[in-house]
C-alpha atoms as a PDB file:
ATOM      1  CA  MET A   1     -34.877  14.572 -67.969  1.00  0.00           C
ATOM      2  CA  THR A   2     -36.596  16.094 -64.777  1.00  0.00           C
ATOM      3  CA  ARG A   3     -38.584  14.438 -62.852  1.00  0.00           C
ATOM      4  CA  LYS A   4     -41.352  15.104 -59.971  1.00  0.00           C
ATOM      5  CA  PRO A   5     -39.866  15.413 -56.572  1.00  0.00           C
ATOM      6  CA  LEU A   6     -39.796  11.888 -54.880  1.00  0.00           C
ATOM      7  CA  ASP A   7     -43.336  12.929 -52.834  1.00  0.00           C
ATOM      8  CA  GLN A   8     -44.656  12.861 -55.618  1.00  0.00           C
ATOM      9  CA  GLN A   9     -43.596   9.681 -56.786  1.00  0.00           C
ATOM     10  CA  VAL A  10     -45.252   5.911 -57.297  1.00  0.00           C
ATOM     11  CA  ILE A  11     -42.279   3.874 -57.178  1.00  0.00           C
ATOM     12  CA  VAL A  12     -42.542  -0.219 -57.932  1.00  0.00           C
ATOM     13  CA  VAL A  13     -39.498  -2.326 -55.934  1.00  0.00           C
ATOM     14  CA  THR A  14     -39.864  -5.237 -57.390  1.00  0.00           C
ATOM     15  CA  GLY A  15     -36.921  -7.832 -54.485  1.00  0.00           C
ATOM     16  CA  ALA A  16     -38.508  -5.981 -52.111  1.00  0.00           C
ATOM     17  CA  SER A  17     -39.053  -8.104 -49.279  1.00  0.00           C
ATOM     18  CA  SER A  18     -34.560  -8.123 -48.186  1.00  0.00           C
ATOM     19  CA  GLY A  19     -31.593  -6.597 -49.112  1.00  0.00           C
ATOM     20  CA  ILE A  20     -31.368  -3.708 -51.938  1.00  0.00           C
ATOM     21  CA  GLY A  21     -35.100  -3.976 -52.852  1.00  0.00           C
ATOM     22  CA  LEU A  22     -36.207  -3.177 -48.738  1.00  0.00           C
ATOM     23  CA  ALA A  23     -33.712  -0.771 -48.254  1.00  0.00           C
ATOM     24  CA  THR A  24     -34.653   1.331 -51.211  1.00  0.00           C
ATOM     25  CA  ALA A  25     -38.138   0.720 -50.334  1.00  0.00           C
ATOM     26  CA  ARG A  26     -38.177   2.475 -46.658  1.00  0.00           C
ATOM     27  CA  MET A  27     -36.100   4.749 -47.777  1.00  0.00           C
ATOM     28  CA  ALA A  28     -38.691   5.727 -50.686  1.00  0.00           C
ATOM     29  CA  ALA A  29     -41.296   5.561 -48.698  1.00  0.00           C
ATOM     30  CA  ALA A  30     -39.698   7.861 -45.423  1.00  0.00           C
ATOM     31  CA  ARG A  31     -38.904  10.617 -48.173  1.00  0.00           C
ATOM     32  CA  GLY A  32     -42.450  10.314 -48.944  1.00  0.00           C
ATOM     33  CA  ALA A  33     -42.940   8.504 -52.489  1.00  0.00           C
ATOM     34  CA  LYS A  34     -46.105   5.519 -52.246  1.00  0.00           C
ATOM     35  CA  VAL A  35     -44.144   2.981 -53.049  1.00  0.00           C
ATOM     36  CA  VAL A  36     -45.807  -1.179 -54.370  1.00  0.00           C
ATOM     37  CA  LEU A  37     -43.768  -3.900 -52.380  1.00  0.00           C
ATOM     38  CA  ALA A  38     -42.979  -7.119 -55.068  1.00  0.00           C
ATOM     39  CA  ALA A  39     -41.658 -10.329 -53.519  1.00  0.00           C
ATOM     40  CA  ARG A  40     -42.427 -13.299 -53.733  1.00  0.00           C
ATOM     41  CA  SER A  41     -42.941 -13.339 -50.006  1.00  0.00           C
ATOM     42  CA  THR A  42     -46.590 -13.363 -49.606  1.00  0.00           C
ATOM     43  CA  GLU A  43     -46.881 -12.950 -45.057  1.00  0.00           C
ATOM     44  CA  ALA A  44     -43.112 -10.546 -45.436  1.00  0.00           C
ATOM     45  CA  LEU A  45     -44.989  -8.261 -47.815  1.00  0.00           C
ATOM     46  CA  HIS A  46     -47.457  -7.812 -45.443  1.00  0.00           C
ATOM     47  CA  ARG A  47     -45.535  -7.362 -42.430  1.00  0.00           C
ATOM     48  CA  ILE A  48     -43.571  -4.689 -44.873  1.00  0.00           C
ATOM     49  CA  ALA A  49     -45.904  -2.635 -46.341  1.00  0.00           C
ATOM     50  CA  ALA A  50     -47.945  -2.649 -42.437  1.00  0.00           C
ATOM     51  CA  GLU A  51     -44.321  -1.177 -40.781  1.00  0.00           C
ATOM     52  CA  ILE A  52     -44.703   1.299 -43.704  1.00  0.00           C
ATOM     53  CA  GLU A  53     -48.053   1.881 -43.618  1.00  0.00           C
ATOM     54  CA  ASP A  54     -47.968   2.282 -39.074  1.00  0.00           C
ATOM     55  CA  ALA A  55     -44.204   5.366 -40.144  1.00  0.00           C
ATOM     56  CA  GLY A  56     -47.469   7.545 -41.998  1.00  0.00           C
ATOM     57  CA  GLY A  57     -46.173   6.665 -44.948  1.00  0.00           C
ATOM     58  CA  ARG A  58     -48.292   4.709 -47.774  1.00  0.00           C
ATOM     59  CA  ALA A  59     -47.328   1.319 -49.572  1.00  0.00           C
ATOM     60  CA  ILE A  60     -48.869  -1.883 -51.075  1.00  0.00           C
ATOM     61  CA  ALA A  61     -47.639  -4.263 -51.184  1.00  0.00           C
ATOM     62  CA  VAL A  62     -48.256  -7.510 -54.449  1.00  0.00           C
ATOM     63  CA  ALA A  63     -46.871 -10.878 -53.747  1.00  0.00           C
ATOM     64  CA  ALA A  64     -45.509 -12.134 -57.622  1.00  0.00           C
ATOM     65  CA  ASP A  65     -43.006 -13.960 -58.838  1.00  0.00           C
ATOM     66  CA  VAL A  66     -41.002 -11.695 -61.611  1.00  0.00           C
ATOM     67  CA  GLY A  67     -39.912 -14.751 -64.146  1.00  0.00           C
ATOM     68  CA  ASP A  68     -43.630 -15.330 -64.633  1.00  0.00           C
ATOM     69  CA  ARG A  69     -44.847 -12.024 -67.227  1.00  0.00           C
ATOM     70  CA  ALA A  70     -48.851 -12.587 -65.152  1.00  0.00           C
ATOM     71  CA  GLU A  71     -47.591 -11.378 -62.279  1.00  0.00           C
ATOM     72  CA  VAL A  72     -44.910  -9.401 -63.698  1.00  0.00           C
ATOM     73  CA  GLU A  73     -48.383  -6.986 -65.406  1.00  0.00           C
ATOM     74  CA  GLU A  74     -50.011  -8.419 -61.748  1.00  0.00           C
ATOM     75  CA  VAL A  75     -47.996  -5.580 -60.132  1.00  0.00           C
ATOM     76  CA  ALA A  76     -48.684  -3.375 -62.343  1.00  0.00           C
ATOM     77  CA  ALA A  77     -52.362  -3.379 -62.393  1.00  0.00           C
ATOM     78  CA  ARG A  78     -52.472  -3.552 -58.945  1.00  0.00           C
ATOM     79  CA  ALA A  79     -50.563  -0.080 -58.439  1.00  0.00           C
ATOM     80  CA  ILE A  80     -53.080   1.691 -61.108  1.00  0.00           C
ATOM     81  CA  VAL A  81     -55.719   0.680 -59.657  1.00  0.00           C
ATOM     82  CA  ALA A  82     -53.707   1.861 -55.684  1.00  0.00           C
ATOM     83  CA  PHE A  83     -51.866   4.550 -56.500  1.00  0.00           C
ATOM     84  CA  GLY A  84     -53.853   5.605 -60.467  1.00  0.00           C
ATOM     85  CA  GLY A  85     -50.396   4.415 -62.301  1.00  0.00           C
ATOM     86  CA  PHE A  86     -46.421   4.797 -61.038  1.00  0.00           C
ATOM     87  CA  ASP A  87     -43.550   7.603 -61.836  1.00  0.00           C
ATOM     88  CA  THR A  88     -40.011   5.171 -61.330  1.00  0.00           C
ATOM     89  CA  TRP A  89     -40.278   1.566 -61.385  1.00  0.00           C
ATOM     90  CA  VAL A  90     -37.044  -0.596 -59.944  1.00  0.00           C
ATOM     91  CA  ASN A  91     -36.346  -4.192 -61.049  1.00  0.00           C
ATOM     92  CA  VAL A  92     -34.180  -5.250 -58.506  1.00  0.00           C
ATOM     93  CA  ALA A  93     -35.206  -9.181 -57.739  1.00  0.00           C
ATOM     94  CA  GLY A  94     -32.463 -11.704 -58.078  1.00  0.00           C
ATOM     95  CA  LEU A  95     -30.380 -14.321 -56.762  1.00  0.00           C
ATOM     96  CA  THR A  96     -27.231 -16.383 -56.631  1.00  0.00           C
ATOM     97  CA  ILE A  97     -25.140 -19.930 -57.183  1.00  0.00           C
ATOM     98  CA  TYR A  98     -22.119 -20.433 -55.850  1.00  0.00           C
ATOM     99  CA  GLY A  99     -19.528 -24.251 -57.162  1.00  0.00           C
ATOM    100  CA  ARG A 100     -18.163 -25.181 -59.716  1.00  0.00           C
ATOM    101  CA  LEU A 101     -20.618 -24.330 -63.702  1.00  0.00           C
ATOM    102  CA  GLU A 102     -20.580 -27.536 -64.695  1.00  0.00           C
ATOM    103  CA  GLU A 103     -21.413 -29.051 -61.054  1.00  0.00           C
ATOM    104  CA  VAL A 104     -24.161 -26.851 -61.001  1.00  0.00           C
ATOM    105  CA  SER A 105     -28.041 -28.520 -61.896  1.00  0.00           C
ATOM    106  CA  GLN A 106     -29.335 -27.904 -65.179  1.00  0.00           C
ATOM    107  CA  GLU A 107     -32.288 -26.744 -63.299  1.00  0.00           C
ATOM    108  CA  ASP A 108     -31.245 -24.785 -60.963  1.00  0.00           C
ATOM    109  CA  HIS A 109     -29.222 -22.663 -63.660  1.00  0.00           C
ATOM    110  CA  GLU A 110     -32.447 -22.164 -65.696  1.00  0.00           C
ATOM    111  CA  ARG A 111     -34.461 -20.879 -62.874  1.00  0.00           C
ATOM    112  CA  LEU A 112     -31.377 -18.997 -62.408  1.00  0.00           C
ATOM    113  CA  ILE A 113     -31.605 -17.144 -65.210  1.00  0.00           C
ATOM    114  CA  ARG A 114     -35.290 -16.695 -64.654  1.00  0.00           C
ATOM    115  CA  THR A 115     -34.931 -14.845 -61.656  1.00  0.00           C
ATOM    116  CA  ASN A 116     -31.743 -12.678 -62.845  1.00  0.00           C
ATOM    117  CA  PHE A 117     -32.563 -12.205 -66.229  1.00  0.00           C
ATOM    118  CA  TRP A 118     -35.778 -12.880 -67.167  1.00  0.00           C
ATOM    119  CA  GLY A 119     -37.596 -10.903 -63.586  1.00  0.00           C
ATOM    120  CA  THR A 120     -35.410  -8.460 -64.999  1.00  0.00           C
ATOM    121  CA  VAL A 121     -37.332  -8.059 -68.695  1.00  0.00           C
ATOM    122  CA  ASN A 122     -40.778  -9.206 -67.317  1.00  0.00           C
ATOM    123  CA  GLY A 123     -40.288  -5.940 -64.725  1.00  0.00           C
ATOM    124  CA  SER A 124     -38.711  -3.618 -68.189  1.00  0.00           C
ATOM    125  CA  LEU A 125     -41.224  -4.458 -70.744  1.00  0.00           C
ATOM    126  CA  VAL A 126     -44.017  -4.852 -68.798  1.00  0.00           C
ATOM    127  CA  ALA A 127     -43.242  -0.846 -66.977  1.00  0.00           C
ATOM    128  CA  VAL A 128     -41.788   0.746 -70.511  1.00  0.00           C
ATOM    129  CA  ALA A 129     -45.054  -0.274 -71.555  1.00  0.00           C
ATOM    130  CA  HIS A 130     -46.959   2.062 -68.759  1.00  0.00           C
ATOM    131  CA  LEU A 131     -44.809   4.496 -68.739  1.00  0.00           C
ATOM    132  CA  ARG A 132     -44.025   5.563 -72.934  1.00  0.00           C
ATOM    133  CA  LYS A 133     -47.656   7.154 -72.230  1.00  0.00           C
ATOM    134  CA  ALA A 134     -46.500   9.707 -69.479  1.00  0.00           C
ATOM    135  CA  GLY A 135     -42.878   9.411 -69.179  1.00  0.00           C
ATOM    136  CA  GLY A 136     -41.646   8.490 -65.438  1.00  0.00           C
ATOM    137  CA  THR A 137     -37.733   5.921 -65.148  1.00  0.00           C
ATOM    138  CA  LEU A 138     -37.040   2.723 -65.650  1.00  0.00           C
ATOM    139  CA  ILE A 139     -34.113   1.334 -63.049  1.00  0.00           C
ATOM    140  CA  ASN A 140     -32.277  -2.147 -63.373  1.00  0.00           C
ATOM    141  CA  VAL A 141     -29.856  -3.408 -60.893  1.00  0.00           C
ATOM    142  CA  GLY A 142     -27.344  -5.832 -61.931  1.00  0.00           C
ATOM    143  CA  SER A 143     -23.644  -5.903 -60.094  1.00  0.00           C
ATOM    144  CA  VAL A 144     -20.139  -4.563 -60.768  1.00  0.00           C
ATOM    145  CA  ALA A 145     -20.366  -8.054 -61.749  1.00  0.00           C
ATOM    146  CA  SER A 146     -22.581  -6.709 -65.073  1.00  0.00           C
ATOM    147  CA  ASP A 147     -18.738  -6.661 -66.687  1.00  0.00           C
ATOM    148  CA  LEU A 148     -16.285  -8.092 -64.027  1.00  0.00           C
ATOM    149  CA  ALA A 149     -17.306 -12.404 -64.675  1.00  0.00           C
ATOM    150  CA  PHE A 150     -16.313 -14.107 -60.571  1.00  0.00           C
ATOM    151  CA  PRO A 151     -15.627 -17.612 -60.798  1.00  0.00           C
ATOM    152  CA  TYR A 152     -17.660 -19.851 -58.834  1.00  0.00           C
ATOM    153  CA  GLN A 153     -20.514 -17.251 -59.647  1.00  0.00           C
ATOM    154  CA  GLY A 154     -19.908 -17.361 -63.373  1.00  0.00           C
ATOM    155  CA  MET A 155     -24.206 -17.937 -63.973  1.00  0.00           C
ATOM    156  CA  TYR A 156     -24.303 -15.096 -61.914  1.00  0.00           C
ATOM    157  CA  SER A 157     -21.731 -13.058 -63.545  1.00  0.00           C
ATOM    158  CA  ALA A 158     -23.983 -14.351 -66.829  1.00  0.00           C
ATOM    159  CA  SER A 159     -27.204 -13.077 -66.277  1.00  0.00           C
ATOM    160  CA  LYS A 160     -25.971  -9.959 -64.833  1.00  0.00           C
ATOM    161  CA  HIS A 161     -23.515  -9.350 -68.284  1.00  0.00           C
ATOM    162  CA  ALA A 162     -27.575 -10.454 -70.030  1.00  0.00           C
ATOM    163  CA  VAL A 163     -28.975  -7.402 -67.764  1.00  0.00           C
ATOM    164  CA  LYS A 164     -26.977  -4.835 -69.417  1.00  0.00           C
ATOM    165  CA  GLY A 165     -26.763  -5.465 -73.030  1.00  0.00           C
ATOM    166  CA  PHE A 166     -30.673  -5.673 -72.866  1.00  0.00           C
ATOM    167  CA  THR A 167     -30.419  -2.368 -70.975  1.00  0.00           C
ATOM    168  CA  ASP A 168     -28.503  -0.868 -73.181  1.00  0.00           C
ATOM    169  CA  ALA A 169     -30.322  -2.078 -76.486  1.00  0.00           C
ATOM    170  CA  LEU A 170     -33.569  -0.870 -74.437  1.00  0.00           C
ATOM    171  CA  ARG A 171     -32.525   2.027 -73.513  1.00  0.00           C
ATOM    172  CA  MET A 172     -31.277   2.897 -77.089  1.00  0.00           C
ATOM    173  CA  GLU A 173     -35.174   1.313 -79.145  1.00  0.00           C
ATOM    174  CA  LEU A 174     -36.605   4.138 -76.654  1.00  0.00           C
ATOM    175  CA  ARG A 175     -34.542   6.498 -77.557  1.00  0.00           C
ATOM    176  CA  TYR A 176     -34.883   6.677 -80.477  1.00  0.00           C
ATOM    177  CA  ASP A 177     -38.174   6.506 -80.247  1.00  0.00           C
ATOM    178  CA  GLU A 178     -38.060   9.708 -78.745  1.00  0.00           C
ATOM    179  CA  ALA A 179     -40.016   8.641 -75.002  1.00  0.00           C
ATOM    180  CA  GLN A 180     -39.189   9.655 -72.219  1.00  0.00           C
ATOM    181  CA  VAL A 181     -38.206   6.950 -70.723  1.00  0.00           C
ATOM    182  CA  ALA A 182     -35.471   7.247 -69.052  1.00  0.00           C
ATOM    183  CA  VAL A 183     -33.380   4.077 -68.181  1.00  0.00           C
ATOM    184  CA  THR A 184     -30.338   4.149 -65.228  1.00  0.00           C
ATOM    185  CA  LEU A 185     -28.669   0.976 -64.861  1.00  0.00           C
ATOM    186  CA  ILE A 186     -27.510   0.362 -61.568  1.00  0.00           C
ATOM    187  CA  LYS A 187     -23.649  -2.243 -60.822  1.00  0.00           C
ATOM    188  CA  PRO A 188     -23.426  -2.761 -57.360  1.00  0.00           C
ATOM    189  CA  THR A 189     -20.099  -4.176 -55.269  1.00  0.00           C
ATOM    190  CA  SER A 190     -19.745  -6.846 -52.526  1.00  0.00           C
ATOM    191  CA  ILE A 191     -23.211  -5.210 -50.711  1.00  0.00           C
ATOM    192  CA  ASP A 192     -23.926  -6.244 -47.267  1.00  0.00           C
ATOM    193  CA  THR A 193     -27.749  -7.803 -47.784  1.00  0.00           C
ATOM    194  CA  PRO A 194     -28.651 -11.625 -46.886  1.00  0.00           C
ATOM    195  CA  LEU A 195     -27.842 -12.478 -50.820  1.00  0.00           C
ATOM    196  CA  PRO A 196     -25.253 -15.240 -50.066  1.00  0.00           C
ATOM    197  CA  ARG A 197     -27.541 -16.640 -47.160  1.00  0.00           C
ATOM    198  CA  ARG A 198     -30.051 -16.997 -49.425  1.00  0.00           C
ATOM    199  CA  ALA A 199     -27.568 -18.886 -52.275  1.00  0.00           C
ATOM    200  CA  ARG A 200     -28.064 -21.737 -54.099  1.00  0.00           C
ATOM    201  CA  ASN A 201     -24.513 -23.714 -51.936  1.00  0.00           C
ATOM    202  CA  TYR A 202     -22.589 -26.147 -53.624  1.00  0.00           C
ATOM    203  CA  MET A 203     -19.375 -24.973 -51.926  1.00  0.00           C
ATOM    204  CA  ASP A 204     -18.185 -27.002 -48.983  1.00  0.00           C
ATOM    205  CA  ARG A 205     -18.317 -23.547 -46.319  1.00  0.00           C
ATOM    206  CA  GLU A 206     -20.616 -20.941 -46.260  1.00  0.00           C
ATOM    207  CA  PRO A 207     -20.065 -17.740 -48.586  1.00  0.00           C
ATOM    208  CA  MET A 208     -19.587 -14.246 -48.190  1.00  0.00           C
ATOM    209  CA  LEU A 209     -18.122 -11.060 -50.233  1.00  0.00           C
ATOM    210  CA  PRO A 210     -15.214 -11.088 -50.496  1.00  0.00           C
ATOM    211  CA  PRO A 211     -14.557  -6.943 -49.516  1.00  0.00           C
ATOM    212  CA  PRO A 212     -14.520  -4.225 -49.310  1.00  0.00           C
ATOM    213  CA  VAL A 213     -18.083  -5.037 -48.382  1.00  0.00           C
ATOM    214  CA  TYR A 214     -20.888  -1.831 -48.249  1.00  0.00           C
ATOM    215  CA  ARG A 215     -24.509  -1.080 -46.970  1.00  0.00           C
ATOM    216  CA  PRO A 216     -27.420  -1.974 -48.703  1.00  0.00           C
ATOM    217  CA  GLU A 217     -28.860   1.776 -48.335  1.00  0.00           C
ATOM    218  CA  GLU A 218     -25.569   3.175 -50.512  1.00  0.00           C
ATOM    219  CA  VAL A 219     -26.932   1.577 -53.461  1.00  0.00           C
ATOM    220  CA  ALA A 220     -30.669   2.918 -52.046  1.00  0.00           C
ATOM    221  CA  GLU A 221     -29.519   6.388 -51.447  1.00  0.00           C
ATOM    222  CA  ALA A 222     -28.496   6.086 -56.250  1.00  0.00           C
ATOM    223  CA  ILE A 223     -30.804   4.525 -57.338  1.00  0.00           C
ATOM    224  CA  LEU A 224     -33.399   7.285 -55.768  1.00  0.00           C
ATOM    225  CA  HIS A 225     -31.651  10.172 -56.782  1.00  0.00           C
ATOM    226  CA  ALA A 226     -31.717   8.344 -59.959  1.00  0.00           C
ATOM    227  CA  ALA A 227     -35.817   8.461 -59.901  1.00  0.00           C
ATOM    228  CA  VAL A 228     -35.130  12.041 -59.719  1.00  0.00           C
ATOM    229  CA  ASN A 229     -31.847  13.029 -61.723  1.00  0.00           C
ATOM    230  CA  PRO A 230     -31.821   9.885 -64.089  1.00  0.00           C
ATOM    231  CA  ARG A 231     -28.608   8.974 -65.249  1.00  0.00           C
ATOM    232  CA  ARG A 232     -26.937   6.173 -67.346  1.00  0.00           C
ATOM    233  CA  ASP A 233     -24.998   3.979 -64.607  1.00  0.00           C
ATOM    234  CA  ILE A 234     -23.839   4.293 -61.590  1.00  0.00           C
ATOM    235  CA  VAL A 235     -21.261   2.174 -59.513  1.00  0.00           C
ATOM    236  CA  VAL A 236     -21.749   1.725 -55.798  1.00  0.00           C
ATOM    237  CA  GLY A 237     -18.487   0.980 -54.428  1.00  0.00           C
ATOM    238  CA  GLY A 238     -15.090   2.646 -55.775  1.00  0.00           C
ATOM    239  CA  ALA A 239     -13.584  -0.859 -55.402  1.00  0.00           C
ATOM    240  CA  GLY A 240     -15.687  -2.134 -58.290  1.00  0.00           C
ATOM    241  CA  LYS A 241     -15.129   0.565 -60.363  1.00  0.00           C
ATOM    242  CA  LEU A 242     -11.200   0.279 -59.781  1.00  0.00           C
ATOM    243  CA  PHE A 243     -12.416  -3.748 -60.647  1.00  0.00           C
ATOM    244  CA  THR A 244     -13.544  -2.936 -64.062  1.00  0.00           C
ATOM    245  CA  ALA A 245     -10.578  -0.064 -64.869  1.00  0.00           C
ATOM    246  CA  GLY A 246      -8.804  -2.840 -64.093  1.00  0.00           C
ATOM    247  CA  LYS A 247      -9.142  -5.415 -66.372  1.00  0.00           C
ATOM    248  CA  GLU A 248     -10.146  -3.425 -69.109  1.00  0.00           C
ATOM    249  CA  PHE A 249      -6.466  -2.121 -68.771  1.00  0.00           C
ATOM    250  CA  ALA A 250      -4.381  -6.099 -68.267  1.00  0.00           C
ATOM    251  CA  PRO A 251      -7.442  -8.771 -68.644  1.00  0.00           C
ATOM    252  CA  GLY A 252      -5.578 -11.664 -68.655  1.00  0.00           C
ATOM    253  CA  ALA A 253      -3.959 -10.815 -65.006  1.00  0.00           C
ATOM    254  CA  PHE A 254      -7.849 -10.883 -63.383  1.00  0.00           C
ATOM    255  CA  ASP A 255      -7.558 -13.448 -64.501  1.00  0.00           C
ATOM    256  CA  HIS A 256      -5.747 -14.761 -62.782  1.00  0.00           C
ATOM    257  CA  LEU A 257      -7.085 -13.818 -59.645  1.00  0.00           C
ATOM    258  CA  ALA A 258      -9.992 -16.825 -59.378  1.00  0.00           C
ATOM    259  CA  GLY A 259      -7.792 -18.136 -56.661  1.00  0.00           C
ATOM    260  CA  PRO A 260      -8.099 -15.165 -54.693  1.00  0.00           C
ATOM    261  CA  ILE A 261     -11.225 -14.625 -55.853  1.00  0.00           C
ATOM    262  CA  ILE A 262     -12.531 -17.978 -54.338  1.00  0.00           C
ATOM    263  CA  ALA A 263     -11.511 -18.447 -51.168  1.00  0.00           C
ATOM    264  CA  MET A 264     -12.305 -14.728 -50.294  1.00  0.00           C
ATOM    265  CA  GLN A 265     -15.581 -16.081 -50.956  1.00  0.00           C
ATOM    266  CA  LYS A 266     -15.584 -18.795 -47.823  1.00  0.00           C
ATOM    267  CA  ARG A 267     -17.105 -18.146 -44.727  1.00  0.00           C
ATOM    268  CA  THR A 268     -14.590 -19.916 -42.423  1.00  0.00           C
ATOM    269  CA  GLY A 269     -16.325 -21.791 -39.271  1.00  0.00           C
ATOM    270  CA  GLU A 270     -19.242 -21.916 -40.041  1.00  0.00           C
ATOM    271  CA  PRO A 271     -22.168 -24.938 -41.486  1.00  0.00           C
ATOM    272  CA  ARG A 272     -22.478 -25.176 -44.680  1.00  0.00           C
ATOM    273  CA  ARG A 273     -26.567 -24.719 -46.037  1.00  0.00           C
ATOM    274  CA  PRO A 274     -27.502 -26.314 -49.355  1.00  0.00           C
ATOM    275  CA  GLU A 275     -30.656 -24.942 -51.077  1.00  0.00           C
ATOM    276  CA  GLY A 276     -30.822 -21.016 -50.429  1.00  0.00           C
ATOM    277  CA  ALA A 277     -34.514 -19.309 -51.540  1.00  0.00           C
ATOM    278  CA  LEU A 278     -33.098 -19.596 -55.460  1.00  0.00           C
ATOM    279  CA  HIS A 279     -36.170 -22.211 -56.017  1.00  0.00           C
ATOM    280  CA  ALA A 280     -38.361 -20.766 -53.117  1.00  0.00           C
ATOM    281  CA  PRO A 281     -38.366 -18.371 -50.074  1.00  0.00           C
ATOM    282  CA  GLN A 282     -37.158 -19.516 -47.188  1.00  0.00           C
ATOM    283  CA  PRO A 283     -38.989 -18.648 -43.816  1.00  0.00           C
ATOM    284  CA  ASP A 284     -36.038 -16.536 -41.562  1.00  0.00           C
ATOM    285  CA  ASP A 285     -34.403 -15.383 -45.479  1.00  0.00           C
ATOM    286  CA  THR A 286     -36.827 -12.056 -45.610  1.00  0.00           C
ATOM    287  CA  GLY A 287     -37.819  -8.632 -44.761  1.00  0.00           C
ATOM    288  CA  HIS A 288     -33.477  -8.429 -44.083  1.00  0.00           C
ATOM    289  CA  ALA A 289     -31.707  -5.589 -45.562  1.00  0.00           C
ATOM    290  CA  ARG A 290     -28.463  -6.589 -43.999  1.00  0.00           C
ATOM    291  CA  GLY A 291     -26.738  -9.742 -44.368  1.00  0.00           C
ATOM    292  CA  ASP A 292     -24.399 -11.305 -41.784  1.00  0.00           C
ATOM    293  CA  GLN A 293     -20.550 -10.184 -43.664  1.00  0.00           C
ATOM    294  CA  PRO A 294     -18.383 -11.114 -41.610  1.00  0.00           C
ATOM    295  CA  GLY A 295     -15.788  -8.387 -41.001  1.00  0.00           C
ATOM    296  CA  PRO A 296     -16.237  -4.185 -41.701  1.00  0.00           C
ATOM    297  CA  VAL A 297     -18.982  -2.800 -43.251  1.00  0.00           C
ATOM    298  CA  MET A 298     -17.629   0.836 -44.902  1.00  0.00           C
ATOM    299  CA  ARG A 299     -20.897   2.889 -44.681  1.00  0.00           C
ATOM    300  CA  THR A 300     -20.413   5.243 -47.475  1.00  0.00           C
ATOM    301  CA  SER A 301     -18.090   4.856 -50.593  1.00  0.00           C
ATOM    302  CA  ALA A 302     -17.112   8.495 -51.568  1.00  0.00           C
ATOM    303  CA  TYR A 303     -16.647   7.522 -55.337  1.00  0.00           C
ATOM    304  CA  THR A 304     -20.293   7.451 -55.468  1.00  0.00           C
ATOM    305  CA  ARG A 305     -21.569  10.081 -54.118  1.00  0.00           C
ATOM    306  CA  ALA A 306     -18.573  12.311 -55.852  1.00  0.00           C
ATOM    307  CA  SER A 307     -20.461  10.381 -59.204  1.00  0.00           C
ATOM    308  CA  LEU A 308     -24.227  10.875 -58.904  1.00  0.00           C
ATOM    309  CA  HIS A 309     -23.045  15.296 -57.438  1.00  0.00           C
ATOM    310  CA  PRO A 310     -20.553  15.560 -60.567  1.00  0.00           C
ATOM    311  CA  VAL A 311     -20.429  19.481 -59.811  1.00  0.00           C
ATOM    312  CA  ALA A 312     -20.519  20.224 -56.082  1.00  0.00           C
ATOM    313  CA  ALA A 313     -17.720  17.152 -55.900  1.00  0.00           C
ATOM    314  CA  ALA A 314     -15.867  19.274 -58.694  1.00  0.00           C
ATOM    315  CA  SER A 315     -16.305  22.406 -56.916  1.00  0.00           C
ATOM    316  CA  ALA A 316     -14.947  20.565 -53.626  1.00  0.00           C
ATOM    317  CA  ALA A 317     -11.979  19.617 -54.535  1.00  0.00           C
ATOM    318  CA  ILE A 318     -11.185  23.506 -56.556  1.00  0.00           C
ATOM    319  CA  GLY A 319     -11.893  24.737 -53.147  1.00  0.00           C
ATOM    320  CA  LEU A 320      -9.642  21.894 -50.866  1.00  0.00           C
ATOM    321  CA  GLY A 321      -6.794  22.652 -53.739  1.00  0.00           C
ATOM    322  CA  LEU A 322      -7.492  26.524 -52.981  1.00  0.00           C
ATOM    323  CA  ALA A 323      -7.244  26.800 -49.614  1.00  0.00           C
ATOM    324  CA  ALA A 324      -4.432  24.072 -50.118  1.00  0.00           C
ATOM    325  CA  ALA A 325      -2.259  26.595 -51.728  1.00  0.00           C
ATOM    326  CA  SER A 326      -3.266  29.594 -49.656  1.00  0.00           C
ATOM    327  CA  LEU A 327      -1.908  27.708 -46.317  1.00  0.00           C
ATOM    328  CA  LEU A 328       1.476  26.891 -48.444  1.00  0.00           C
ATOM    329  CA  ARG A 329       2.064  30.001 -50.104  1.00  0.00           C
ATOM    330  CA  PRO A 330       5.129  32.082 -48.568  1.00  0.00           C
ATOM    331  CA  ARG A 331       3.860  34.813 -46.822  1.00  0.00           C
ATOM    332  CA  ARG A 332       6.002  38.143 -46.988  1.00  0.00           C
ATOM    333  CA  GLY A 333       6.682  39.256 -43.395  1.00  0.00           C
ATOM    334  CA  ARG A 334       5.687  42.622 -42.887  1.00  0.00           C
ATOM    335  CA  LEU A 335       8.290  45.358 -42.761  1.00  0.00           C
ATOM    336  CA  SER A 336       9.498  46.786 -39.114  1.00  0.00           C
END
């Protein structure tokens, strides 16, 4: 399926007040798209929309809890009133919990599922009801945890597995109906966003992301590529692809990594902040695309860039191979 150029699109982004959602909204607006910003934090959304407008872009802010179907329907209605509809809908909103599964309260488990899974379901079904009419693209942000499980983030992993199953089934039904709606699942690896700081934390220390860690703009690039050139799945970060392939090859060996994974999720020397933004946005958890991940953050993922442009990557590889062969080929000396 081919889609409109980005500068002719209206793009809805949930979870747009921070992290990947914010990076995607800013990048889309900078490239000429009209943007509908949705998240729970009214003040932050209006500030971000004003920032985009001041830079010459077009944006509206709609406060909504994606776990509430009626509020998600209001996001779509506002997009239709403001811009006549939308071409791409991106479900980004998500949260996590750090802690042993049996220690986390039922209330916290249910809130996470309501946001991560039902938020994606609500956004997808509301979007598809509109996109069926004129065609367009639905993009759901899952995770490498859609294919892997992570100890101390068990319910997060379960929610992302569920997002993948739902997204795959919805894609199949749309194809059966011959609906002109492309469906892409984005699966980021560790991304430097405020997600750990916003997490509900049952651990004895502050959480952090296991390396390697990539910038949120790398995920935004993948999302906006899919908005114009739909793909079935995009993994952001070669490390995620490597881990997934490794688990497929030796699932039992991956299970034995529980100890190192738990250790890499704990930050040293940081006071523990238990509440996070699971049940309500916190005053300081919005307006930031980047997090405060200690250690290096990778600027780009060569694997992801190559997967987005496979023909160019293959041509480059062939070119490099020919160049290398030319350099290594024995040269016949001139006769004197």
